[in-house]
Amino acid sequence: MKKSIAVSAGLGIMLSGCAGLAPEIVCVEDRGQYKADTASYRSVGQNERIRYLVLHYTAVDDEESLRLLTAGGASAHYLVTSNPGAHGGKPVALQLVDDDKRAWHAGVSYWNGRHNLNDTSLGIEIVNLGYTDETSGRRWHPYQPAQLDLIERLAADLVKRYGISPDNVVGHSDIAPLRKSAPGPLFPWQALAQRGIGAWPDAGTVDKYLAGRTPTEPASVARIQQALAKYGYRVEQTGTLDEATRQVIRAFQMHFRPDDIRGEPDAQTEAIALALVDKYRS
C-alpha cells in the first residue's frame, strides 16, 4: 500500500507529497513494519544491474532443453525454441527466469575485467544442436529463420531496456572460450550488429591495420594476445601460440571472422581485434 503523505526525511526538512512534485504522486511506500520514501531523494551513484547479454545454444532438442533449463541444474532467462510459436501475430519467447533474478547460464566466466557474469547478465538459450563431428569434419547446425527473427526482436528489446552496450552482447564462447563454442560460427553476429545489436569492427579500420598484408599472413601472437585482452577476452600474455591462446583466437574468429575458425594467428584476425579495440576501448 502506498500513500502520498507529509514525512520527515530525518534531515530537518518536512516533505509534503513528493519533494515538490504534484501531491498525487506517490512517494511513501508502506512496507508493513516501516515506510520508505521512494522518491524524495535519489542517488546518482547507480546503474543497471544487467550489463551483459549472453547468447547460447542448447545442444539438445526442445524437450530436453526445457527439461535441463527448468529442472534446477542450469537455467536461462529466455529460451527460443526450434519453432517459436506465435500469439496475436507475434513470435513467443519462453521466459524461464525473471529479468531481475540470477539465472545459471554463464558458469565460470570472464569479460573485460568482470568475473562470474551470472551476477550481471541475461542469458538467451537457443534450441540448436550445435555441431556434429563426422568423418568429413565438424558440421555446424544452422539456425532457423523463425528463431533468428525472434532473437533479433528479443535482443533488441533487452539491449534498449537495460542500456547494454554493443561490446557487452557476447556469446558463451567469448566469456568461456576454453570450454564453450556456443552460439557457434553460423550465428549471424554481423547481421545483428547492423541492426544495433552487438559489436562489429569498421571495415576501413580493419583495412588500416591489415596494412596491405594478405589476410592469412602470419601475425604476431603477442600483439594478438594484447589486442584480445584489451577488447575483453581472458588470455594469458605468453607471446606464444599455446593451446589456450589458440582456443581464445578460435572463439574470437567464430564471432568476428566465421569463415575461418582454425585458431590461426593471422593478419586478418589481428586487424579485426585492433579495429575493435579502436572502436570500443579507446
C-alpha atoms as a PDB file:
ATOM      1  CA  MET A   1       0.000   0.000   0.000  1.00  0.00           C
ATOM      2  CA  LYS A   2       1.350   3.441  -0.938  1.00  0.00           C
ATOM      3  CA  LYS A   3       0.197   6.852   0.242  1.00  0.00           C
ATOM      4  CA  SER A   4       1.334  10.390  -0.511  1.00  0.00           C
ATOM      5  CA  ILE A   5       1.818  11.978   2.928  1.00  0.00           C
ATOM      6  CA  ALA A   6       3.949  14.523   4.755  1.00  0.00           C
ATOM      7  CA  VAL A   7       7.102  12.844   6.085  1.00  0.00           C
ATOM      8  CA  SER A   8      10.226  13.848   7.936  1.00  0.00           C
ATOM      9  CA  ALA A   9      13.311  12.822   5.994  1.00  0.00           C
ATOM     10  CA  GLY A  10      15.498  12.974   9.070  1.00  0.00           C
ATOM     11  CA  LEU A  11      17.275  15.997   7.621  1.00  0.00           C
ATOM     12  CA  GLY A  12      15.293  18.732   9.307  1.00  0.00           C
ATOM     13  CA  ILE A  13      13.081  19.084   6.244  1.00  0.00           C
ATOM     14  CA  MET A  14       9.366  18.426   6.164  1.00  0.00           C
ATOM     15  CA  LEU A  15       8.291  16.945   2.862  1.00  0.00           C
ATOM     16  CA  SER A  16       4.773  17.073   1.579  1.00  0.00           C
ATOM     17  CA  GLY A  17       3.769  14.955  -1.359  1.00  0.00           C
ATOM     18  CA  CYS A  18       6.900  14.021  -3.311  1.00  0.00           C
ATOM     19  CA  ALA A  19       9.526  16.685  -2.872  1.00  0.00           C
ATOM     20  CA  GLY A  20       7.849  19.390  -4.855  1.00  0.00           C
ATOM     21  CA  LEU A  21       6.118  17.126  -7.329  1.00  0.00           C
ATOM     22  CA  ALA A  22       2.384  17.057  -7.768  1.00  0.00           C
ATOM     23  CA  PRO A  23       0.710  15.951  -4.488  1.00  0.00           C
ATOM     24  CA  GLU A  24      -0.938  12.970  -6.125  1.00  0.00           C
ATOM     25  CA  ILE A  25       2.440  11.431  -6.990  1.00  0.00           C
ATOM     26  CA  VAL A  26       3.111   8.531  -4.635  1.00  0.00           C
ATOM     27  CA  CYS A  27       6.443   8.654  -2.819  1.00  0.00           C
ATOM     28  CA  VAL A  28       5.897   6.902   0.536  1.00  0.00           C
ATOM     29  CA  GLU A  29       5.539   3.130   0.418  1.00  0.00           C
ATOM     30  CA  ASP A  30       4.018   1.249   3.345  1.00  0.00           C
ATOM     31  CA  ARG A  31       6.061  -1.931   3.892  1.00  0.00           C
ATOM     32  CA  GLY A  32       4.252  -3.261   6.915  1.00  0.00           C
ATOM     33  CA  GLN A  33       6.535  -2.553   9.881  1.00  0.00           C
ATOM     34  CA  TYR A  34       8.019   0.596   8.317  1.00  0.00           C
ATOM     35  CA  LYS A  35       7.565   3.037   5.465  1.00  0.00           C
ATOM     36  CA  ALA A  36      10.025   4.101   2.764  1.00  0.00           C
ATOM     37  CA  ASP A  37      10.196   7.444   0.975  1.00  0.00           C
ATOM     38  CA  THR A  38      10.944   6.222  -2.525  1.00  0.00           C
ATOM     39  CA  ALA A  39      11.145   9.479  -4.462  1.00  0.00           C
ATOM     40  CA  SER A  40      12.304  12.486  -2.451  1.00  0.00           C
ATOM     41  CA  TYR A  41      15.992  11.693  -2.781  1.00  0.00           C
ATOM     42  CA  ARG A  42      17.646   9.610  -5.493  1.00  0.00           C
ATOM     43  CA  SER A  43      21.366   8.885  -5.731  1.00  0.00           C
ATOM     44  CA  VAL A  44      23.274   9.390  -8.971  1.00  0.00           C
ATOM     45  CA  GLY A  45      25.609   6.579  -7.871  1.00  0.00           C
ATOM     46  CA  GLN A  46      23.757   3.729  -9.536  1.00  0.00           C
ATOM     47  CA  ASN A  47      23.393   1.839 -12.790  1.00  0.00           C
ATOM     48  CA  GLU A  48      21.567  -1.159 -14.151  1.00  0.00           C
ATOM     49  CA  ARG A  49      22.468  -4.493 -12.574  1.00  0.00           C
ATOM     50  CA  ILE A  50      22.141  -6.037 -16.024  1.00  0.00           C
ATOM     51  CA  ARG A  51      25.197  -5.137 -18.095  1.00  0.00           C
ATOM     52  CA  TYR A  52      25.635  -8.130 -20.401  1.00  0.00           C
ATOM     53  CA  LEU A  53      23.557 -10.216 -22.790  1.00  0.00           C
ATOM     54  CA  VAL A  54      24.891 -13.736 -23.365  1.00  0.00           C
ATOM     55  CA  LEU A  55      23.774 -15.946 -26.265  1.00  0.00           C
ATOM     56  CA  HIS A  56      23.902 -19.762 -26.096  1.00  0.00           C
ATOM     57  CA  TYR A  57      22.774 -22.835 -27.988  1.00  0.00           C
ATOM     58  CA  THR A  58      21.334 -25.731 -26.003  1.00  0.00           C
ATOM     59  CA  ALA A  59      22.990 -28.579 -27.995  1.00  0.00           C
ATOM     60  CA  VAL A  60      19.829 -30.686 -27.483  1.00  0.00           C
ATOM     61  CA  ASP A  61      16.259 -30.719 -28.786  1.00  0.00           C
ATOM     62  CA  ASP A  62      13.261 -28.751 -27.499  1.00  0.00           C
ATOM     63  CA  GLU A  63      12.045 -31.301 -24.967  1.00  0.00           C
ATOM     64  CA  GLU A  64      15.454 -31.903 -23.462  1.00  0.00           C
ATOM     65  CA  SER A  65      16.245 -28.166 -23.482  1.00  0.00           C
ATOM     66  CA  LEU A  66      13.164 -27.440 -21.419  1.00  0.00           C
ATOM     67  CA  ARG A  67      13.937 -30.254 -19.021  1.00  0.00           C
ATOM     68  CA  LEU A  68      17.524 -29.185 -18.466  1.00  0.00           C
ATOM     69  CA  LEU A  69      16.695 -25.490 -18.097  1.00  0.00           C
ATOM     70  CA  THR A  70      13.784 -25.958 -15.687  1.00  0.00           C
ATOM     71  CA  ALA A  71      14.982 -28.857 -13.517  1.00  0.00           C
ATOM     72  CA  GLY A  72      17.387 -26.785 -11.431  1.00  0.00           C
ATOM     73  CA  GLY A  73      20.884 -27.682 -12.624  1.00  0.00           C
ATOM     74  CA  ALA A  74      21.063 -24.891 -15.201  1.00  0.00           C
ATOM     75  CA  SER A  75      18.784 -22.075 -16.233  1.00  0.00           C
ATOM     76  CA  ALA A  76      18.463 -19.090 -18.529  1.00  0.00           C
ATOM     77  CA  HIS A  77      16.216 -16.085 -18.621  1.00  0.00           C
ATOM     78  CA  TYR A  78      14.827 -16.887 -22.079  1.00  0.00           C
ATOM     79  CA  LEU A  79      14.516 -19.915 -24.328  1.00  0.00           C
ATOM     80  CA  VAL A  80      13.976 -19.666 -28.079  1.00  0.00           C
ATOM     81  CA  THR A  81      12.569 -22.985 -29.259  1.00  0.00           C
ATOM     82  CA  SER A  82      13.298 -24.611 -32.624  1.00  0.00           C
ATOM     83  CA  ASN A  83       9.957 -23.418 -33.990  1.00  0.00           C
ATOM     84  CA  PRO A  84       8.732 -20.485 -31.883  1.00  0.00           C
ATOM     85  CA  GLY A  85       5.004 -20.252 -31.500  1.00  0.00           C
ATOM     86  CA  ALA A  86       3.042 -17.078 -32.097  1.00  0.00           C
ATOM     87  CA  HIS A  87       0.392 -15.156 -30.227  1.00  0.00           C
ATOM     88  CA  GLY A  88      -1.508 -12.280 -31.744  1.00  0.00           C
ATOM     89  CA  GLY A  89       0.731 -12.411 -34.789  1.00  0.00           C
ATOM     90  CA  LYS A  90       3.971 -12.069 -32.801  1.00  0.00           C
ATOM     91  CA  PRO A  91       6.579 -14.755 -32.014  1.00  0.00           C
ATOM     92  CA  VAL A  92       6.788 -16.007 -28.446  1.00  0.00           C
ATOM     93  CA  ALA A  93       9.950 -16.488 -26.375  1.00  0.00           C
ATOM     94  CA  LEU A  94       9.727 -18.621 -23.245  1.00  0.00           C
ATOM     95  CA  GLN A  95      10.800 -16.677 -20.156  1.00  0.00           C
ATOM     96  CA  LEU A  96      12.138 -19.150 -17.612  1.00  0.00           C
ATOM     97  CA  VAL A  97      13.676 -16.706 -15.117  1.00  0.00           C
ATOM     98  CA  ASP A  98      12.580 -13.143 -14.379  1.00  0.00           C
ATOM     99  CA  ASP A  99      14.986 -10.471 -15.598  1.00  0.00           C
ATOM    100  CA  ASP A 100      15.673  -9.254 -12.065  1.00  0.00           C
ATOM    101  CA  LYS A 101      16.664 -12.744 -10.912  1.00  0.00           C
ATOM    102  CA  ARG A 102      20.011 -14.514 -11.356  1.00  0.00           C
ATOM    103  CA  ALA A 103      19.994 -17.406 -13.827  1.00  0.00           C
ATOM    104  CA  TRP A 104      22.636 -20.129 -14.006  1.00  0.00           C
ATOM    105  CA  HIS A 105      23.737 -19.876 -17.621  1.00  0.00           C
ATOM    106  CA  ALA A 106      27.266 -18.426 -17.770  1.00  0.00           C
ATOM    107  CA  GLY A 107      29.139 -20.524 -15.211  1.00  0.00           C
ATOM    108  CA  VAL A 108      32.822 -19.774 -14.751  1.00  0.00           C
ATOM    109  CA  SER A 109      33.155 -16.744 -17.000  1.00  0.00           C
ATOM    110  CA  TYR A 110      35.069 -13.551 -17.665  1.00  0.00           C
ATOM    111  CA  TRP A 111      34.603 -10.483 -19.817  1.00  0.00           C
ATOM    112  CA  ASN A 112      36.524  -7.212 -19.833  1.00  0.00           C
ATOM    113  CA  GLY A 113      37.612  -7.323 -16.197  1.00  0.00           C
ATOM    114  CA  ARG A 114      34.494  -8.866 -14.686  1.00  0.00           C
ATOM    115  CA  HIS A 115      34.157 -12.460 -13.482  1.00  0.00           C
ATOM    116  CA  ASN A 116      31.044 -14.570 -12.800  1.00  0.00           C
ATOM    117  CA  LEU A 117      28.770 -12.973 -15.365  1.00  0.00           C
ATOM    118  CA  ASN A 118      25.698 -14.734 -13.989  1.00  0.00           C
ATOM    119  CA  ASP A 119      25.534 -11.864 -11.489  1.00  0.00           C
ATOM    120  CA  THR A 120      25.231  -9.129 -14.111  1.00  0.00           C
ATOM    121  CA  SER A 121      23.830 -10.707 -17.265  1.00  0.00           C
ATOM    122  CA  LEU A 122      20.779 -12.014 -19.045  1.00  0.00           C
ATOM    123  CA  GLY A 123      21.016 -15.338 -20.839  1.00  0.00           C
ATOM    124  CA  ILE A 124      19.218 -16.379 -24.016  1.00  0.00           C
ATOM    125  CA  GLU A 125      19.331 -20.088 -24.834  1.00  0.00           C
ATOM    126  CA  ILE A 126      18.509 -21.129 -28.395  1.00  0.00           C
ATOM    127  CA  VAL A 127      17.464 -24.664 -29.271  1.00  0.00           C
ATOM    128  CA  ASN A 128      20.162 -25.768 -31.694  1.00  0.00           C
ATOM    129  CA  LEU A 129      22.220 -28.954 -31.786  1.00  0.00           C
ATOM    130  CA  GLY A 130      25.467 -27.026 -32.131  1.00  0.00           C
ATOM    131  CA  TYR A 131      27.713 -29.339 -34.120  1.00  0.00           C
ATOM    132  CA  THR A 132      28.167 -32.939 -35.160  1.00  0.00           C
ATOM    133  CA  ASP A 133      31.618 -34.431 -35.703  1.00  0.00           C
ATOM    134  CA  GLU A 134      31.581 -36.506 -38.885  1.00  0.00           C
ATOM    135  CA  THR A 135      34.257 -38.311 -40.877  1.00  0.00           C
ATOM    136  CA  SER A 136      34.466 -35.317 -43.222  1.00  0.00           C
ATOM    137  CA  GLY A 137      34.878 -32.899 -40.327  1.00  0.00           C
ATOM    138  CA  ARG A 138      32.760 -30.872 -37.963  1.00  0.00           C
ATOM    139  CA  ARG A 139      29.302 -29.933 -39.234  1.00  0.00           C
ATOM    140  CA  TRP A 140      27.618 -26.946 -37.587  1.00  0.00           C
ATOM    141  CA  HIS A 141      23.833 -26.893 -37.425  1.00  0.00           C
ATOM    142  CA  PRO A 142      22.090 -23.801 -38.833  1.00  0.00           C
ATOM    143  CA  TYR A 143      19.572 -21.643 -37.001  1.00  0.00           C
ATOM    144  CA  GLN A 144      16.035 -21.433 -38.321  1.00  0.00           C
ATOM    145  CA  PRO A 145      14.742 -18.155 -39.838  1.00  0.00           C
ATOM    146  CA  ALA A 146      11.895 -18.002 -37.304  1.00  0.00           C
ATOM    147  CA  GLN A 147      14.419 -18.339 -34.471  1.00  0.00           C
ATOM    148  CA  LEU A 148      16.593 -15.553 -35.841  1.00  0.00           C
ATOM    149  CA  ASP A 149      13.585 -13.269 -36.251  1.00  0.00           C
ATOM    150  CA  LEU A 150      12.614 -13.800 -32.613  1.00  0.00           C
ATOM    151  CA  ILE A 151      16.204 -13.450 -31.380  1.00  0.00           C
ATOM    152  CA  GLU A 152      16.505 -10.094 -33.136  1.00  0.00           C
ATOM    153  CA  ARG A 153      13.273  -8.820 -31.582  1.00  0.00           C
ATOM    154  CA  LEU A 154      14.094 -10.137 -28.119  1.00  0.00           C
ATOM    155  CA  ALA A 155      17.719  -8.962 -28.073  1.00  0.00           C
ATOM    156  CA  ALA A 156      16.797  -5.521 -29.436  1.00  0.00           C
ATOM    157  CA  ASP A 157      14.278  -5.065 -26.627  1.00  0.00           C
ATOM    158  CA  LEU A 158      16.676  -6.198 -23.886  1.00  0.00           C
ATOM    159  CA  VAL A 159      19.560  -4.081 -25.183  1.00  0.00           C
ATOM    160  CA  LYS A 160      17.366  -0.996 -25.282  1.00  0.00           C
ATOM    161  CA  ARG A 161      15.597  -1.636 -21.986  1.00  0.00           C
ATOM    162  CA  TYR A 162      18.778  -2.153 -19.976  1.00  0.00           C
ATOM    163  CA  GLY A 163      21.183   0.051 -21.905  1.00  0.00           C
ATOM    164  CA  ILE A 164      23.501  -2.864 -22.774  1.00  0.00           C
ATOM    165  CA  SER A 165      26.439  -1.586 -24.823  1.00  0.00           C
ATOM    166  CA  PRO A 166      27.274  -3.338 -28.130  1.00  0.00           C
ATOM    167  CA  ASP A 167      30.540  -4.804 -26.837  1.00  0.00           C
ATOM    168  CA  ASN A 168      28.668  -6.444 -23.956  1.00  0.00           C
ATOM    169  CA  VAL A 169      26.468  -8.552 -26.248  1.00  0.00           C
ATOM    170  CA  VAL A 170      28.510 -11.748 -26.296  1.00  0.00           C
ATOM    171  CA  GLY A 171      28.432 -15.464 -26.899  1.00  0.00           C
ATOM    172  CA  HIS A 172      29.113 -18.104 -24.291  1.00  0.00           C
ATOM    173  CA  SER A 173      32.302 -18.901 -26.217  1.00  0.00           C
ATOM    174  CA  ASP A 174      33.506 -15.302 -25.749  1.00  0.00           C
ATOM    175  CA  ILE A 175      33.237 -15.417 -21.968  1.00  0.00           C
ATOM    176  CA  ALA A 176      34.346 -19.062 -21.563  1.00  0.00           C
ATOM    177  CA  PRO A 177      36.474 -19.794 -24.657  1.00  0.00           C
ATOM    178  CA  LEU A 178      38.349 -22.760 -23.196  1.00  0.00           C
ATOM    179  CA  ARG A 179      35.201 -24.800 -22.648  1.00  0.00           C
ATOM    180  CA  LYS A 180      32.349 -23.432 -24.796  1.00  0.00           C
ATOM    181  CA  SER A 181      31.665 -22.946 -28.515  1.00  0.00           C
ATOM    182  CA  ALA A 182      28.121 -21.526 -28.420  1.00  0.00           C
ATOM    183  CA  PRO A 183      26.486 -19.949 -30.320  1.00  0.00           C
ATOM    184  CA  GLY A 184      28.948 -21.088 -33.000  1.00  0.00           C
ATOM    185  CA  PRO A 185      30.143 -19.739 -36.361  1.00  0.00           C
ATOM    186  CA  LEU A 186      26.703 -19.865 -38.015  1.00  0.00           C
ATOM    187  CA  PHE A 187      25.212 -17.364 -35.600  1.00  0.00           C
ATOM    188  CA  PRO A 188      24.586 -14.091 -37.523  1.00  0.00           C
ATOM    189  CA  TRP A 189      26.588 -11.649 -35.394  1.00  0.00           C
ATOM    190  CA  GLN A 190      27.254  -9.232 -38.260  1.00  0.00           C
ATOM    191  CA  ALA A 191      23.586  -9.055 -39.302  1.00  0.00           C
ATOM    192  CA  LEU A 192      22.539  -8.362 -35.708  1.00  0.00           C
ATOM    193  CA  ALA A 193      25.214  -5.684 -35.331  1.00  0.00           C
ATOM    194  CA  GLN A 194      23.885  -3.962 -38.437  1.00  0.00           C
ATOM    195  CA  ARG A 195      20.569  -3.719 -36.585  1.00  0.00           C
ATOM    196  CA  GLY A 196      22.164  -2.219 -33.493  1.00  0.00           C
ATOM    197  CA  ILE A 197      22.609  -5.452 -31.525  1.00  0.00           C
ATOM    198  CA  GLY A 198      26.206  -6.231 -30.656  1.00  0.00           C
ATOM    199  CA  ALA A 199      29.627  -5.058 -31.766  1.00  0.00           C
ATOM    200  CA  TRP A 200      31.271  -5.181 -35.169  1.00  0.00           C
ATOM    201  CA  PRO A 201      34.507  -3.631 -36.490  1.00  0.00           C
ATOM    202  CA  ASP A 202      34.545  -0.885 -39.109  1.00  0.00           C
ATOM    203  CA  ALA A 203      35.811  -2.233 -42.428  1.00  0.00           C
ATOM    204  CA  GLY A 204      38.007   0.801 -43.062  1.00  0.00           C
ATOM    205  CA  THR A 205      39.756   0.412 -39.721  1.00  0.00           C
ATOM    206  CA  VAL A 206      40.336  -3.293 -40.388  1.00  0.00           C
ATOM    207  CA  ASP A 207      41.943  -2.388 -43.723  1.00  0.00           C
ATOM    208  CA  LYS A 208      44.126   0.192 -41.972  1.00  0.00           C
ATOM    209  CA  TYR A 209      45.502  -2.398 -39.571  1.00  0.00           C
ATOM    210  CA  LEU A 210      45.789  -5.033 -42.289  1.00  0.00           C
ATOM    211  CA  ALA A 211      48.191  -2.562 -43.937  1.00  0.00           C
ATOM    212  CA  GLY A 212      48.401  -4.360 -47.264  1.00  0.00           C
ATOM    213  CA  ARG A 213      49.106  -7.792 -45.798  1.00  0.00           C
ATOM    214  CA  THR A 214      47.256 -10.826 -47.089  1.00  0.00           C
ATOM    215  CA  PRO A 215      44.578 -11.963 -44.591  1.00  0.00           C
ATOM    216  CA  THR A 216      46.227 -15.346 -43.994  1.00  0.00           C
ATOM    217  CA  GLU A 217      49.726 -13.964 -43.456  1.00  0.00           C
ATOM    218  CA  PRO A 218      51.103 -14.978 -40.041  1.00  0.00           C
ATOM    219  CA  ALA A 219      50.893 -12.250 -37.422  1.00  0.00           C
ATOM    220  CA  SER A 220      52.443 -11.536 -34.041  1.00  0.00           C
ATOM    221  CA  VAL A 221      50.952 -13.825 -31.385  1.00  0.00           C
ATOM    222  CA  ALA A 222      51.928 -11.326 -28.684  1.00  0.00           C
ATOM    223  CA  ARG A 223      50.158  -8.472 -30.473  1.00  0.00           C
ATOM    224  CA  ILE A 224      47.013 -10.558 -30.956  1.00  0.00           C
ATOM    225  CA  GLN A 225      47.035 -11.597 -27.294  1.00  0.00           C
ATOM    226  CA  GLN A 226      47.345  -7.952 -26.249  1.00  0.00           C
ATOM    227  CA  ALA A 227      44.512  -6.829 -28.519  1.00  0.00           C
ATOM    228  CA  LEU A 228      42.179  -9.636 -27.437  1.00  0.00           C
ATOM    229  CA  ALA A 229      42.844  -8.868 -23.764  1.00  0.00           C
ATOM    230  CA  LYS A 230      42.174  -5.161 -24.316  1.00  0.00           C
ATOM    231  CA  TYR A 231      38.909  -5.949 -26.050  1.00  0.00           C
ATOM    232  CA  GLY A 232      37.669  -8.201 -23.251  1.00  0.00           C
ATOM    233  CA  TYR A 233      38.880 -11.783 -23.602  1.00  0.00           C
ATOM    234  CA  ARG A 234      40.763 -13.541 -20.862  1.00  0.00           C
ATOM    235  CA  VAL A 235      44.029 -14.639 -22.459  1.00  0.00           C
ATOM    236  CA  GLU A 236      47.441 -15.078 -20.887  1.00  0.00           C
ATOM    237  CA  GLN A 237      50.147 -12.803 -22.308  1.00  0.00           C
ATOM    238  CA  THR A 238      52.658 -15.537 -23.106  1.00  0.00           C
ATOM    239  CA  GLY A 239      53.744 -14.382 -26.561  1.00  0.00           C
ATOM    240  CA  THR A 240      53.485 -17.987 -27.740  1.00  0.00           C
ATOM    241  CA  LEU A 241      50.755 -19.914 -29.517  1.00  0.00           C
ATOM    242  CA  ASP A 242      49.855 -22.297 -26.702  1.00  0.00           C
ATOM    243  CA  GLU A 243      46.655 -24.313 -26.829  1.00  0.00           C
ATOM    244  CA  ALA A 244      44.747 -21.884 -24.584  1.00  0.00           C
ATOM    245  CA  THR A 245      45.657 -18.953 -26.848  1.00  0.00           C
ATOM    246  CA  ARG A 246      44.557 -20.912 -29.900  1.00  0.00           C
ATOM    247  CA  GLN A 247      41.192 -21.612 -28.260  1.00  0.00           C
ATOM    248  CA  VAL A 248      40.670 -17.928 -27.462  1.00  0.00           C
ATOM    249  CA  ILE A 249      41.608 -16.940 -31.015  1.00  0.00           C
ATOM    250  CA  ARG A 250      39.186 -19.552 -32.318  1.00  0.00           C
ATOM    251  CA  ALA A 251      36.363 -18.179 -30.143  1.00  0.00           C
ATOM    252  CA  PHE A 252      37.138 -14.688 -31.410  1.00  0.00           C
ATOM    253  CA  GLN A 253      37.092 -15.884 -35.009  1.00  0.00           C
ATOM    254  CA  MET A 254      33.750 -17.656 -34.540  1.00  0.00           C
ATOM    255  CA  HIS A 255      32.292 -14.295 -33.540  1.00  0.00           C
ATOM    256  CA  PHE A 256      34.073 -11.899 -35.911  1.00  0.00           C
ATOM    257  CA  ARG A 257      35.573 -13.997 -38.758  1.00  0.00           C
ATOM    258  CA  PRO A 258      33.448 -17.148 -39.040  1.00  0.00           C
ATOM    259  CA  ASP A 259      34.672 -18.226 -42.481  1.00  0.00           C
ATOM    260  CA  ASP A 260      37.981 -19.401 -40.970  1.00  0.00           C
ATOM    261  CA  ILE A 261      37.945 -20.586 -37.345  1.00  0.00           C
ATOM    262  CA  ARG A 262      41.094 -22.673 -37.196  1.00  0.00           C
ATOM    263  CA  GLY A 263      42.553 -20.519 -34.438  1.00  0.00           C
ATOM    264  CA  GLU A 264      45.495 -19.390 -36.552  1.00  0.00           C
ATOM    265  CA  PRO A 265      47.041 -16.036 -35.514  1.00  0.00           C
ATOM    266  CA  ASP A 266      46.845 -14.438 -38.948  1.00  0.00           C
ATOM    267  CA  ALA A 267      46.961 -10.832 -40.112  1.00  0.00           C
ATOM    268  CA  GLN A 268      43.186 -10.506 -40.571  1.00  0.00           C
ATOM    269  CA  THR A 269      42.487 -11.722 -37.026  1.00  0.00           C
ATOM    270  CA  GLU A 270      44.985  -9.195 -35.673  1.00  0.00           C
ATOM    271  CA  ALA A 271      43.491  -6.383 -37.770  1.00  0.00           C
ATOM    272  CA  ILE A 272      39.927  -7.152 -36.654  1.00  0.00           C
ATOM    273  CA  ALA A 273      40.960  -7.282 -32.995  1.00  0.00           C
ATOM    274  CA  LEU A 274      42.818  -3.952 -33.234  1.00  0.00           C
ATOM    275  CA  ALA A 275      39.851  -2.371 -35.054  1.00  0.00           C
ATOM    276  CA  LEU A 276      37.507  -3.471 -32.246  1.00  0.00           C
ATOM    277  CA  VAL A 277      39.851  -2.034 -29.621  1.00  0.00           C
ATOM    278  CA  ASP A 278      39.914   1.251 -31.574  1.00  0.00           C
ATOM    279  CA  LYS A 279      36.126   1.380 -31.747  1.00  0.00           C
ATOM    280  CA  TYR A 280      35.112   0.219 -28.285  1.00  0.00           C
ATOM    281  CA  ARG A 281      38.121   0.609 -25.967  1.00  0.00           C
ATOM    282  CA  SER A 282      39.724   3.895 -26.981  1.00  0.00           C
END
